[in-house]
């Protein structure tokens, strides 16, 4: 089975411009391909996971990845999937985010000996002469056609700025520049980028008379059709300081039964035959499949040692133990009154609930436990001494917990 066929079998391919040509290039290791990353934060998140895994798979098959960081386009903002306009960022912030990205990407992509590149589109976009750009690139884009793109249709309802309207031209110009500078002949991206990607292949054809190709990756959606990688507290980050390895592990350990096999196929490097065997699993065996998924993905992002720690901690927690690697909330002296604090304050201040009223409901309904014992009295208090040292493990529901200690 070639790498293209494996991508198909794993359910990763959504749309392609020329399947026969793309299959041949990818399987023969002749693709020089790029995927774009907008530096809107100082860490990549689960939403980027699919792209990183794809780059790793294709590089292992001999193809050359280019990670394109949107230092230029990031100063405009991609309207795709947005109901509002993105915040403007300074050049310094963008550069800092780019540096953080490369460190994280290096876990997936081998940048040594010219096997891969990291390029910032600020190199060519920030010095563009606006009139020259309009004359050279503008005639090749139809406004009517651009307005039919899904990314623009969504924003048109609330108001699409001219700034954002330029994004498709800039992304298309990226492909055009990469094609000429580095022989980049393919672009990969999420399925919501299809219109922008076609703009690039068309610009290359019109300006250079050459063929370039595009392929979109299936978006990582759960069984309810929502993008994966979000929790109540926000995105699931790849930076261990933003989302700890334990929290990262727990995110995948707690996904719905209906999503586990899909995630195993799309995101792990386990053999398809092994995953197909799991198709027959049901009941408690699905929990084992979730453990396998959580371990594999945590090892990919944080390494085997952190994955083992997270797994052991999760097992200890659900066995009633007091695990070391779980998320921790630290209380200060100001949180205590006469050396004590009530359970509702603990639940709220630890971040397990957003308000005291929500904490009260959870306690009254029997949904809160401390060190494995249910707490049913909302007036229950804990002393500073009880929370010193290793602290206490507070659990809300089946999947939310914190170790609560004193600074």
Foldseek 3Di string as FASTA:
>chain_A
DFLVVLCVVLQWFDDKDDVVVVSVCQRQLNAEEEEEDELLDLFAFPQCQLVLQVQLSSLVSNHEYEYEYALPLNQLQALQPHQDGDDGDDSVSSVNSLVSHVVQSVLRDPPPPNSYYYHYLCVPRVPDDVVVLCVLQVVLDDPVVLCVQPSNVSRVVVDDDPSNSCSLSSLLVVLVVCCVPPVRQEYEEAPSCVVSRVSNQSSCCVPPVDGGMYIYTYACAAPVRHHPQADPVGGGTLDCVVQNLLNQLLSQLPGDLRCLLSCCSSRAPPDPVVSVVCVPDDDVVSSVSSLVSSLRVSCSRPNNVSSVLSSVQVVCVVVLHLRDRFAAQADEPVQDDPQKHWPLSVCCRRPVDVDSVVSLVQLCVQFKDKSPHTHNDRRDMDGLVCQADQGIWMGGHDRDIHRYHYD
